[in-house]
Amino acid sequence: MRPLRRVRVKGRKQEFMIYELMGLADTADPELNAGPAERELAEMTGAASALFEAGDLEGACRSYQQILRQFPKDGVASSMIATCHACGRDSKAKVTAAQENAP
């Protein structure tokens, strides 16, 4: 499994993490088995997600960019890079507005 991102469901106050199932460990079925590439992608995404959740948007963005270098077609990494940039712009706008309104 790899973490995707936290979401809030309508009617609930608490956010929760959603995951993508990459495969199963310890299965004899080759179609269900998580191969080395899937395990590496899940591990890399977990590290990037932890940075994002900790508020380290620059670090998360770098980590997701590294994922794209190794897995160029990964839509999750592409989406999360855009999210990091959007969150960064929003944070900078809030800081600037607070500084402008400070006495």
PDB file of N, CA and C in Angstrom:
ATOM      1  N   MET A   1       0.844  -1.177   0.000  1.00  0.00           N
ATOM      2  CA  MET A   1       0.000   0.000   0.000  1.00  0.00           C
ATOM      3  C   MET A   1       0.883   1.232   0.000  1.00  0.00           C
ATOM      4  N   ARG A   2       0.387   2.257  -0.624  1.00  0.00           N
ATOM      5  CA  ARG A   2       1.092   3.529  -0.523  1.00  0.00           C
ATOM      6  C   ARG A   2       0.098   4.613  -0.156  1.00  0.00           C
ATOM      7  N   PRO A   3       0.522   5.536   0.689  1.00  0.00           N
ATOM      8  CA  PRO A   3      -0.378   6.616   1.093  1.00  0.00           C
ATOM      9  C   PRO A   3      -0.577   7.593  -0.058  1.00  0.00           C
ATOM     10  N   LEU A   4      -1.804   8.062  -0.217  1.00  0.00           N
ATOM     11  CA  LEU A   4      -2.087   9.043  -1.255  1.00  0.00           C
ATOM     12  C   LEU A   4      -2.191  10.439  -0.643  1.00  0.00           C
ATOM     13  N   ARG A   5      -3.201  10.643   0.176  1.00  0.00           N
ATOM     14  CA  ARG A   5      -3.307  11.912   0.916  1.00  0.00           C
ATOM     15  C   ARG A   5      -4.482  11.851   1.870  1.00  0.00           C
ATOM     16  N   ARG A   6      -4.495  12.799   2.791  1.00  0.00           N
ATOM     17  CA  ARG A   6      -5.593  12.875   3.752  1.00  0.00           C
ATOM     18  C   ARG A   6      -6.787  13.545   3.093  1.00  0.00           C
ATOM     19  N   VAL A   7      -7.964  13.040   3.422  1.00  0.00           N
ATOM     20  CA  VAL A   7      -9.206  13.607   2.914  1.00  0.00           C
ATOM     21  C   VAL A   7     -10.197  13.737   4.066  1.00  0.00           C
ATOM     22  N   ARG A   8     -11.159  14.590   3.862  1.00  0.00           N
ATOM     23  CA  ARG A   8     -12.257  14.724   4.820  1.00  0.00           C
ATOM     24  C   ARG A   8     -13.536  14.368   4.081  1.00  0.00           C
ATOM     25  N   VAL A   9     -14.277  13.466   4.650  1.00  0.00           N
ATOM     26  CA  VAL A   9     -15.530  13.016   4.057  1.00  0.00           C
ATOM     27  C   VAL A   9     -16.657  13.886   4.602  1.00  0.00           C
ATOM     28  N   LYS A  10     -17.588  14.219   3.730  1.00  0.00           N
ATOM     29  CA  LYS A  10     -18.730  15.040   4.130  1.00  0.00           C
ATOM     30  C   LYS A  10     -19.436  14.384   5.308  1.00  0.00           C
ATOM     31  N   GLY A  11     -19.721  15.183   6.310  1.00  0.00           N
ATOM     32  CA  GLY A  11     -20.401  14.688   7.495  1.00  0.00           C
ATOM     33  C   GLY A  11     -19.454  14.228   8.592  1.00  0.00           C
ATOM     34  N   ARG A  12     -18.164  14.221   8.311  1.00  0.00           N
ATOM     35  CA  ARG A  12     -17.163  13.815   9.312  1.00  0.00           C
ATOM     36  C   ARG A  12     -16.228  14.978   9.564  1.00  0.00           C
ATOM     37  N   LYS A  13     -15.791  15.104  10.799  1.00  0.00           N
ATOM     38  CA  LYS A  13     -14.876  16.187  11.155  1.00  0.00           C
ATOM     39  C   LYS A  13     -13.419  15.773  11.002  1.00  0.00           C
ATOM     40  N   GLN A  14     -13.145  14.512  11.195  1.00  0.00           N
ATOM     41  CA  GLN A  14     -11.774  14.031  11.184  1.00  0.00           C
ATOM     42  C   GLN A  14     -11.340  13.621   9.777  1.00  0.00           C
ATOM     43  N   GLU A  15     -10.113  13.993   9.404  1.00  0.00           N
ATOM     44  CA  GLU A  15      -9.541  13.561   8.140  1.00  0.00           C
ATOM     45  C   GLU A  15      -8.956  12.164   8.302  1.00  0.00           C
ATOM     46  N   PHE A  16      -8.836  11.448   7.190  1.00  0.00           N
ATOM     47  CA  PHE A  16      -8.170  10.163   7.242  1.00  0.00           C
ATOM     48  C   PHE A  16      -7.373   9.961   5.959  1.00  0.00           C
ATOM     49  N   MET A  17      -6.348   9.126   6.055  1.00  0.00           N
ATOM     50  CA  MET A  17      -5.465   8.858   4.929  1.00  0.00           C
ATOM     51  C   MET A  17      -6.101   7.811   4.016  1.00  0.00           C
ATOM     52  N   ILE A  18      -6.011   8.068   2.718  1.00  0.00           N
ATOM     53  CA  ILE A  18      -6.429   7.052   1.761  1.00  0.00           C
ATOM     54  C   ILE A  18      -5.167   6.428   1.158  1.00  0.00           C
ATOM     55  N   TYR A  19      -5.271   5.169   0.814  1.00  0.00           N
ATOM     56  CA  TYR A  19      -4.127   4.404   0.323  1.00  0.00           C
ATOM     57  C   TYR A  19      -4.455   3.749  -1.005  1.00  0.00           C
ATOM     58  N   GLU A  20      -3.420   3.483  -1.775  1.00  0.00           N
ATOM     59  CA  GLU A  20      -3.549   2.704  -2.998  1.00  0.00           C
ATOM     60  C   GLU A  20      -2.945   1.330  -2.735  1.00  0.00           C
ATOM     61  N   LEU A  21      -3.694   0.297  -3.027  1.00  0.00           N
ATOM     62  CA  LEU A  21      -3.196  -1.059  -2.875  1.00  0.00           C
ATOM     63  C   LEU A  21      -2.313  -1.377  -4.080  1.00  0.00           C
ATOM     64  N   MET A  22      -1.039  -1.640  -3.812  1.00  0.00           N
ATOM     65  CA  MET A  22      -0.061  -1.890  -4.873  1.00  0.00           C
ATOM     66  C   MET A  22       0.081  -3.382  -5.183  1.00  0.00           C
ATOM     67  N   GLY A  23      -0.304  -4.223  -4.270  1.00  0.00           N
ATOM     68  CA  GLY A  23      -0.175  -5.660  -4.429  1.00  0.00           C
ATOM     69  C   GLY A  23      -0.190  -6.303  -3.057  1.00  0.00           C
ATOM     70  N   LEU A  24      -0.070  -7.606  -3.050  1.00  0.00           N
ATOM     71  CA  LEU A  24      -0.083  -8.339  -1.791  1.00  0.00           C
ATOM     72  C   LEU A  24       1.301  -8.911  -1.509  1.00  0.00           C
ATOM     73  N   ALA A  25       1.687  -8.880  -0.273  1.00  0.00           N
ATOM     74  CA  ALA A  25       2.943  -9.502   0.141  1.00  0.00           C
ATOM     75  C   ALA A  25       2.697 -10.981   0.406  1.00  0.00           C
ATOM     76  N   ASP A  26       3.702 -11.765   0.193  1.00  0.00           N
ATOM     77  CA  ASP A  26       3.656 -13.200   0.517  1.00  0.00           C
ATOM     78  C   ASP A  26       2.508 -13.940  -0.167  1.00  0.00           C
ATOM     79  N   THR A  27       2.320 -13.662  -1.439  1.00  0.00           N
ATOM     80  CA  THR A  27       1.317 -14.409  -2.193  1.00  0.00           C
ATOM     81  C   THR A  27       2.010 -15.158  -3.325  1.00  0.00           C
ATOM     82  N   ALA A  28       1.503 -16.305  -3.649  1.00  0.00           N
ATOM     83  CA  ALA A  28       2.068 -17.091  -4.740  1.00  0.00           C
ATOM     84  C   ALA A  28       1.501 -16.652  -6.096  1.00  0.00           C
ATOM     85  N   ASP A  29       0.445 -15.876  -6.077  1.00  0.00           N
ATOM     86  CA  ASP A  29      -0.183 -15.420  -7.306  1.00  0.00           C
ATOM     87  C   ASP A  29       0.628 -14.266  -7.901  1.00  0.00           C
ATOM     88  N   PRO A  30       1.250 -14.457  -9.063  1.00  0.00           N
ATOM     89  CA  PRO A  30       2.090 -13.408  -9.640  1.00  0.00           C
ATOM     90  C   PRO A  30       1.315 -12.153 -10.029  1.00  0.00           C
ATOM     91  N   GLU A  31       0.028 -12.276 -10.283  1.00  0.00           N
ATOM     92  CA  GLU A  31      -0.771 -11.097 -10.631  1.00  0.00           C
ATOM     93  C   GLU A  31      -1.059 -10.221  -9.417  1.00  0.00           C
ATOM     94  N   LEU A  32      -1.035 -10.814  -8.243  1.00  0.00           N
ATOM     95  CA  LEU A  32      -1.337 -10.062  -7.016  1.00  0.00           C
ATOM     96  C   LEU A  32      -0.087  -9.667  -6.245  1.00  0.00           C
ATOM     97  N   ASN A  33       1.039 -10.272  -6.582  1.00  0.00           N
ATOM     98  CA  ASN A  33       2.274 -10.035  -5.847  1.00  0.00           C
ATOM     99  C   ASN A  33       2.817  -8.624  -6.115  1.00  0.00           C
ATOM    100  N   ALA A  34       3.194  -7.934  -5.057  1.00  0.00           N
ATOM    101  CA  ALA A  34       3.841  -6.626  -5.196  1.00  0.00           C
ATOM    102  C   ALA A  34       5.304  -6.869  -5.529  1.00  0.00           C
ATOM    103  N   GLY A  35       5.698  -6.467  -6.719  1.00  0.00           N
ATOM    104  CA  GLY A  35       7.073  -6.663  -7.151  1.00  0.00           C
ATOM    105  C   GLY A  35       8.003  -5.614  -6.567  1.00  0.00           C
ATOM    106  N   PRO A  36       9.286  -5.724  -6.879  1.00  0.00           N
ATOM    107  CA  PRO A  36      10.264  -4.774  -6.351  1.00  0.00           C
ATOM    108  C   PRO A  36       9.965  -3.326  -6.729  1.00  0.00           C
ATOM    109  N   ALA A  37       9.505  -3.088  -7.955  1.00  0.00           N
ATOM    110  CA  ALA A  37       9.203  -1.714  -8.372  1.00  0.00           C
ATOM    111  C   ALA A  37       8.029  -1.146  -7.580  1.00  0.00           C
ATOM    112  N   GLU A  38       7.004  -1.950  -7.371  1.00  0.00           N
ATOM    113  CA  GLU A  38       5.845  -1.489  -6.595  1.00  0.00           C
ATOM    114  C   GLU A  38       6.224  -1.213  -5.149  1.00  0.00           C
ATOM    115  N   ARG A  39       7.053  -2.076  -4.590  1.00  0.00           N
ATOM    116  CA  ARG A  39       7.497  -1.857  -3.200  1.00  0.00           C
ATOM    117  C   ARG A  39       8.336  -0.593  -3.089  1.00  0.00           C
ATOM    118  N   GLU A  40       9.218  -0.365  -4.079  1.00  0.00           N
ATOM    119  CA  GLU A  40      10.037   0.849  -4.056  1.00  0.00           C
ATOM    120  C   GLU A  40       9.168   2.093  -4.203  1.00  0.00           C
ATOM    121  N   LEU A  41       8.206   2.050  -5.111  1.00  0.00           N
ATOM    122  CA  LEU A  41       7.300   3.183  -5.300  1.00  0.00           C
ATOM    123  C   LEU A  41       6.507   3.456  -4.026  1.00  0.00           C
ATOM    124  N   ALA A  42       6.021   2.412  -3.387  1.00  0.00           N
ATOM    125  CA  ALA A  42       5.269   2.586  -2.143  1.00  0.00           C
ATOM    126  C   ALA A  42       6.153   3.201  -1.051  1.00  0.00           C
ATOM    127  N   GLU A  43       7.392   2.747  -0.962  1.00  0.00           N
ATOM    128  CA  GLU A  43       8.318   3.276   0.047  1.00  0.00           C
ATOM    129  C   GLU A  43       8.652   4.749  -0.221  1.00  0.00           C
ATOM    130  N   MET A  44       8.927   5.061  -1.482  1.00  0.00           N
ATOM    131  CA  MET A  44       9.239   6.451  -1.838  1.00  0.00           C
ATOM    132  C   MET A  44       8.041   7.370  -1.595  1.00  0.00           C
ATOM    133  N   THR A  45       6.848   6.889  -1.948  1.00  0.00           N
ATOM    134  CA  THR A  45       5.642   7.689  -1.744  1.00  0.00           C
ATOM    135  C   THR A  45       5.379   7.889  -0.258  1.00  0.00           C
ATOM    136  N   GLY A  46       5.632   6.864   0.542  1.00  0.00           N
ATOM    137  CA  GLY A  46       5.463   6.996   1.990  1.00  0.00           C
ATOM    138  C   GLY A  46       6.357   8.084   2.568  1.00  0.00           C
ATOM    139  N   ALA A  47       7.602   8.132   2.107  1.00  0.00           N
ATOM    140  CA  ALA A  47       8.535   9.167   2.588  1.00  0.00           C
ATOM    141  C   ALA A  47       8.086  10.557   2.149  1.00  0.00           C
ATOM    142  N   ALA A  48       7.659  10.681   0.893  1.00  0.00           N
ATOM    143  CA  ALA A  48       7.187  11.978   0.393  1.00  0.00           C
ATOM    144  C   ALA A  48       5.926  12.414   1.123  1.00  0.00           C
ATOM    145  N   SER A  49       5.034  11.482   1.356  1.00  0.00           N
ATOM    146  CA  SER A  49       3.787  11.779   2.062  1.00  0.00           C
ATOM    147  C   SER A  49       4.063  12.241   3.492  1.00  0.00           C
ATOM    148  N   ALA A  50       5.025  11.616   4.147  1.00  0.00           N
ATOM    149  CA  ALA A  50       5.368  12.020   5.516  1.00  0.00           C
ATOM    150  C   ALA A  50       5.866  13.460   5.542  1.00  0.00           C
ATOM    151  N   LEU A  51       6.654  13.843   4.555  1.00  0.00           N
ATOM    152  CA  LEU A  51       7.123  15.232   4.474  1.00  0.00           C
ATOM    153  C   LEU A  51       5.950  16.175   4.248  1.00  0.00           C
ATOM    154  N   PHE A  52       5.042  15.794   3.360  1.00  0.00           N
ATOM    155  CA  PHE A  52       3.870  16.622   3.077  1.00  0.00           C
ATOM    156  C   PHE A  52       3.023  16.798   4.331  1.00  0.00           C
ATOM    157  N   GLU A  53       2.765  15.703   5.024  1.00  0.00           N
ATOM    158  CA  GLU A  53       1.943  15.744   6.240  1.00  0.00           C
ATOM    159  C   GLU A  53       2.607  16.569   7.341  1.00  0.00           C
ATOM    160  N   ALA A  54       3.937  16.596   7.361  1.00  0.00           N
ATOM    161  CA  ALA A  54       4.668  17.379   8.363  1.00  0.00           C
ATOM    162  C   ALA A  54       4.733  18.862   7.996  1.00  0.00           C
ATOM    163  N   GLY A  55       4.239  19.209   6.796  1.00  0.00           N
ATOM    164  CA  GLY A  55       4.252  20.608   6.374  1.00  0.00           C
ATOM    165  C   GLY A  55       5.495  21.010   5.617  1.00  0.00           C
ATOM    166  N   ASP A  56       6.384  20.073   5.330  1.00  0.00           N
ATOM    167  CA  ASP A  56       7.597  20.366   4.564  1.00  0.00           C
ATOM    168  C   ASP A  56       7.264  20.248   3.077  1.00  0.00           C
ATOM    169  N   LEU A  57       6.643  21.289   2.548  1.00  0.00           N
ATOM    170  CA  LEU A  57       6.169  21.247   1.167  1.00  0.00           C
ATOM    171  C   LEU A  57       7.312  21.175   0.169  1.00  0.00           C
ATOM    172  N   GLU A  58       8.400  21.892   0.440  1.00  0.00           N
ATOM    173  CA  GLU A  58       9.549  21.859  -0.470  1.00  0.00           C
ATOM    174  C   GLU A  58      10.181  20.473  -0.493  1.00  0.00           C
ATOM    175  N   GLY A  59      10.362  19.887   0.680  1.00  0.00           N
ATOM    176  CA  GLY A  59      10.915  18.542   0.760  1.00  0.00           C
ATOM    177  C   GLY A  59      10.013  17.517   0.093  1.00  0.00           C
ATOM    178  N   ALA A  60       8.705  17.647   0.315  1.00  0.00           N
ATOM    179  CA  ALA A  60       7.749  16.735  -0.307  1.00  0.00           C
ATOM    180  C   ALA A  60       7.794  16.871  -1.821  1.00  0.00           C
ATOM    181  N   CYS A  61       7.846  18.098  -2.302  1.00  0.00           N
ATOM    182  CA  CYS A  61       7.892  18.336  -3.741  1.00  0.00           C
ATOM    183  C   CYS A  61       9.144  17.702  -4.346  1.00  0.00           C
ATOM    184  N   ARG A  62      10.285  17.873  -3.694  1.00  0.00           N
ATOM    185  CA  ARG A  62      11.518  17.243  -4.183  1.00  0.00           C
ATOM    186  C   ARG A  62      11.383  15.720  -4.210  1.00  0.00           C
ATOM    187  N   SER A  63      10.770  15.161  -3.176  1.00  0.00           N
ATOM    188  CA  SER A  63      10.591  13.709  -3.113  1.00  0.00           C
ATOM    189  C   SER A  63       9.659  13.208  -4.205  1.00  0.00           C
ATOM    190  N   TYR A  64       8.562  13.928  -4.445  1.00  0.00           N
ATOM    191  CA  TYR A  64       7.652  13.531  -5.514  1.00  0.00           C
ATOM    192  C   TYR A  64       8.314  13.688  -6.888  1.00  0.00           C
ATOM    193  N   GLN A  65       9.174  14.697  -7.041  1.00  0.00           N
ATOM    194  CA  GLN A  65       9.910  14.853  -8.299  1.00  0.00           C
ATOM    195  C   GLN A  65      10.871  13.680  -8.507  1.00  0.00           C
ATOM    196  N   GLN A  66      11.495  13.213  -7.433  1.00  0.00           N
ATOM    197  CA  GLN A  66      12.366  12.044  -7.520  1.00  0.00           C
ATOM    198  C   GLN A  66      11.554  10.809  -7.958  1.00  0.00           C
ATOM    199  N   ILE A  67      10.351  10.687  -7.429  1.00  0.00           N
ATOM    200  CA  ILE A  67       9.486   9.579  -7.845  1.00  0.00           C
ATOM    201  C   ILE A  67       9.241   9.650  -9.354  1.00  0.00           C
ATOM    202  N   LEU A  68       8.956  10.860  -9.857  1.00  0.00           N
ATOM    203  CA  LEU A  68       8.694  11.001 -11.288  1.00  0.00           C
ATOM    204  C   LEU A  68       9.919  10.694 -12.140  1.00  0.00           C
ATOM    205  N   ARG A  69      11.108  10.942 -11.609  1.00  0.00           N
ATOM    206  CA  ARG A  69      12.309  10.590 -12.364  1.00  0.00           C
ATOM    207  C   ARG A  69      12.416   9.073 -12.533  1.00  0.00           C
ATOM    208  N   GLN A  70      12.010   8.333 -11.513  1.00  0.00           N
ATOM    209  CA  GLN A  70      12.085   6.878 -11.579  1.00  0.00           C
ATOM    210  C   GLN A  70      10.828   6.245 -12.172  1.00  0.00           C
ATOM    211  N   PHE A  71       9.695   6.905 -11.971  1.00  0.00           N
ATOM    212  CA  PHE A  71       8.406   6.388 -12.446  1.00  0.00           C
ATOM    213  C   PHE A  71       7.693   7.524 -13.191  1.00  0.00           C
ATOM    214  N   PRO A  72       8.115   7.823 -14.419  1.00  0.00           N
ATOM    215  CA  PRO A  72       7.637   9.010 -15.139  1.00  0.00           C
ATOM    216  C   PRO A  72       6.129   9.098 -15.362  1.00  0.00           C
ATOM    217  N   LYS A  73       5.444   7.987 -15.327  1.00  0.00           N
ATOM    218  CA  LYS A  73       3.996   7.998 -15.584  1.00  0.00           C
ATOM    219  C   LYS A  73       3.163   7.989 -14.302  1.00  0.00           C
ATOM    220  N   ASP A  74       3.796   8.226 -13.152  1.00  0.00           N
ATOM    221  CA  ASP A  74       3.066   8.147 -11.890  1.00  0.00           C
ATOM    222  C   ASP A  74       2.176   9.377 -11.703  1.00  0.00           C
ATOM    223  N   GLY A  75       0.880   9.170 -11.818  1.00  0.00           N
ATOM    224  CA  GLY A  75      -0.074  10.266 -11.681  1.00  0.00           C
ATOM    225  C   GLY A  75      -0.178  10.817 -10.275  1.00  0.00           C
ATOM    226  N   VAL A  76       0.049   9.970  -9.272  1.00  0.00           N
ATOM    227  CA  VAL A  76      -0.018  10.439  -7.880  1.00  0.00           C
ATOM    228  C   VAL A  76       1.086  11.478  -7.632  1.00  0.00           C
ATOM    229  N   ALA A  77       2.301  11.177  -8.068  1.00  0.00           N
ATOM    230  CA  ALA A  77       3.408  12.112  -7.860  1.00  0.00           C
ATOM    231  C   ALA A  77       3.144  13.425  -8.590  1.00  0.00           C
ATOM    232  N   SER A  78       2.663  13.348  -9.822  1.00  0.00           N
ATOM    233  CA  SER A  78       2.346  14.570 -10.585  1.00  0.00           C
ATOM    234  C   SER A  78       1.310  15.418  -9.866  1.00  0.00           C
ATOM    235  N   SER A  79       0.263  14.754  -9.397  1.00  0.00           N
ATOM    236  CA  SER A  79      -0.806  15.456  -8.691  1.00  0.00           C
ATOM    237  C   SER A  79      -0.305  16.092  -7.393  1.00  0.00           C
ATOM    238  N   MET A  80       0.517  15.357  -6.665  1.00  0.00           N
ATOM    239  CA  MET A  80       1.007  15.876  -5.383  1.00  0.00           C
ATOM    240  C   MET A  80       2.006  17.011  -5.566  1.00  0.00           C
ATOM    241  N   ILE A  81       2.759  17.011  -6.654  1.00  0.00           N
ATOM    242  CA  ILE A  81       3.645  18.156  -6.943  1.00  0.00           C
ATOM    243  C   ILE A  81       2.794  19.404  -7.138  1.00  0.00           C
ATOM    244  N   ALA A  82       1.718  19.283  -7.908  1.00  0.00           N
ATOM    245  CA  ALA A  82       0.815  20.417  -8.115  1.00  0.00           C
ATOM    246  C   ALA A  82       0.195  20.860  -6.792  1.00  0.00           C
ATOM    247  N   THR A  83      -0.167  19.904  -5.953  1.00  0.00           N
ATOM    248  CA  THR A  83      -0.746  20.230  -4.642  1.00  0.00           C
ATOM    249  C   THR A  83       0.267  20.952  -3.767  1.00  0.00           C
ATOM    250  N   CYS A  84       1.510  20.502  -3.777  1.00  0.00           N
ATOM    251  CA  CYS A  84       2.565  21.172  -2.991  1.00  0.00           C
ATOM    252  C   CYS A  84       2.727  22.612  -3.441  1.00  0.00           C
ATOM    253  N   HIS A  85       2.745  22.823  -4.766  1.00  0.00           N
ATOM    254  CA  HIS A  85       2.884  24.188  -5.279  1.00  0.00           C
ATOM    255  C   HIS A  85       1.694  25.052  -4.888  1.00  0.00           C
ATOM    256  N   ALA A  86       0.487  24.504  -4.995  1.00  0.00           N
ATOM    257  CA  ALA A  86      -0.723  25.253  -4.639  1.00  0.00           C
ATOM    258  C   ALA A  86      -0.741  25.584  -3.150  1.00  0.00           C
ATOM    259  N   CYS A  87      -0.393  24.617  -2.318  1.00  0.00           N
ATOM    260  CA  CYS A  87      -0.366  24.861  -0.870  1.00  0.00           C
ATOM    261  C   CYS A  87       0.702  25.886  -0.514  1.00  0.00           C
ATOM    262  N   GLY A  88       1.827  25.819  -1.200  1.00  0.00           N
ATOM    263  CA  GLY A  88       2.900  26.788  -0.963  1.00  0.00           C
ATOM    264  C   GLY A  88       2.475  28.195  -1.314  1.00  0.00           C
ATOM    265  N   ARG A  89       1.774  28.346  -2.445  1.00  0.00           N
ATOM    266  CA  ARG A  89       1.282  29.674  -2.836  1.00  0.00           C
ATOM    267  C   ARG A  89       0.268  30.181  -1.833  1.00  0.00           C
ATOM    268  N   ASP A  90      -0.625  29.315  -1.373  1.00  0.00           N
ATOM    269  CA  ASP A  90      -1.639  29.709  -0.392  1.00  0.00           C
ATOM    270  C   ASP A  90      -0.978  30.129   0.913  1.00  0.00           C
ATOM    271  N   SER A  91       0.027  29.373   1.348  1.00  0.00           N
ATOM    272  CA  SER A  91       0.721  29.694   2.604  1.00  0.00           C
ATOM    273  C   SER A  91       1.436  31.028   2.497  1.00  0.00           C
ATOM    274  N   LYS A  92       2.106  31.254   1.376  1.00  0.00           N
ATOM    275  CA  LYS A  92       2.820  32.522   1.184  1.00  0.00           C
ATOM    276  C   LYS A  92       1.846  33.688   1.154  1.00  0.00           C
ATOM    277  N   ALA A  93       0.683  33.499   0.521  1.00  0.00           N
ATOM    278  CA  ALA A  93      -0.318  34.563   0.465  1.00  0.00           C
ATOM    279  C   ALA A  93      -0.843  34.873   1.861  1.00  0.00           C
ATOM    280  N   LYS A  94      -1.046  33.843   2.678  1.00  0.00           N
ATOM    281  CA  LYS A  94      -1.533  34.061   4.042  1.00  0.00           C
ATOM    282  C   LYS A  94      -0.494  34.787   4.877  1.00  0.00           C
ATOM    283  N   VAL A  95       0.767  34.418   4.736  1.00  0.00           N
ATOM    284  CA  VAL A  95       1.843  35.076   5.486  1.00  0.00           C
ATOM    285  C   VAL A  95       1.949  36.532   5.065  1.00  0.00           C
ATOM    286  N   THR A  96       1.902  36.786   3.755  1.00  0.00           N
ATOM    287  CA  THR A  96       1.995  38.152   3.254  1.00  0.00           C
ATOM    288  C   THR A  96       0.829  38.989   3.756  1.00  0.00           C
ATOM    289  N   ALA A  97      -0.383  38.451   3.715  1.00  0.00           N
ATOM    290  CA  ALA A  97      -1.555  39.178   4.203  1.00  0.00           C
ATOM    291  C   ALA A  97      -1.438  39.466   5.697  1.00  0.00           C
ATOM    292  N   ALA A  98      -0.950  38.507   6.460  1.00  0.00           N
ATOM    293  CA  ALA A  98      -0.781  38.718   7.901  1.00  0.00           C
ATOM    294  C   ALA A  98       0.261  39.791   8.169  1.00  0.00           C
ATOM    295  N   GLN A  99       1.337  39.794   7.405  1.00  0.00           N
ATOM    296  CA  GLN A  99       2.380  40.802   7.589  1.00  0.00           C
ATOM    297  C   GLN A  99       1.865  42.192   7.220  1.00  0.00           C
ATOM    298  N   GLU A 100       1.058  42.282   6.181  1.00  0.00           N
ATOM    299  CA  GLU A 100       0.518  43.560   5.761  1.00  0.00           C
ATOM    300  C   GLU A 100      -0.483  44.109   6.770  1.00  0.00           C
ATOM    301  N   ASN A 101      -1.176  43.222   7.486  1.00  0.00           N
ATOM    302  CA  ASN A 101      -2.183  43.638   8.453  1.00  0.00           C
ATOM    303  C   ASN A 101      -1.624  43.786   9.867  1.00  0.00           C
ATOM    304  N   ALA A 102      -0.359  43.482  10.035  1.00  0.00           N
ATOM    305  CA  ALA A 102       0.247  43.597  11.370  1.00  0.00           C
ATOM    306  C   ALA A 102       0.419  45.069  11.732  1.00  0.00           C
ATOM    307  N   PRO A 103       0.266  45.387  13.026  1.00  0.00           N
ATOM    308  CA  PRO A 103       0.407  46.798  13.441  1.00  0.00           C
ATOM    309  C   PRO A 103       1.828  47.298  13.330  1.00  0.00           C
TER     310      PRO A 103
END
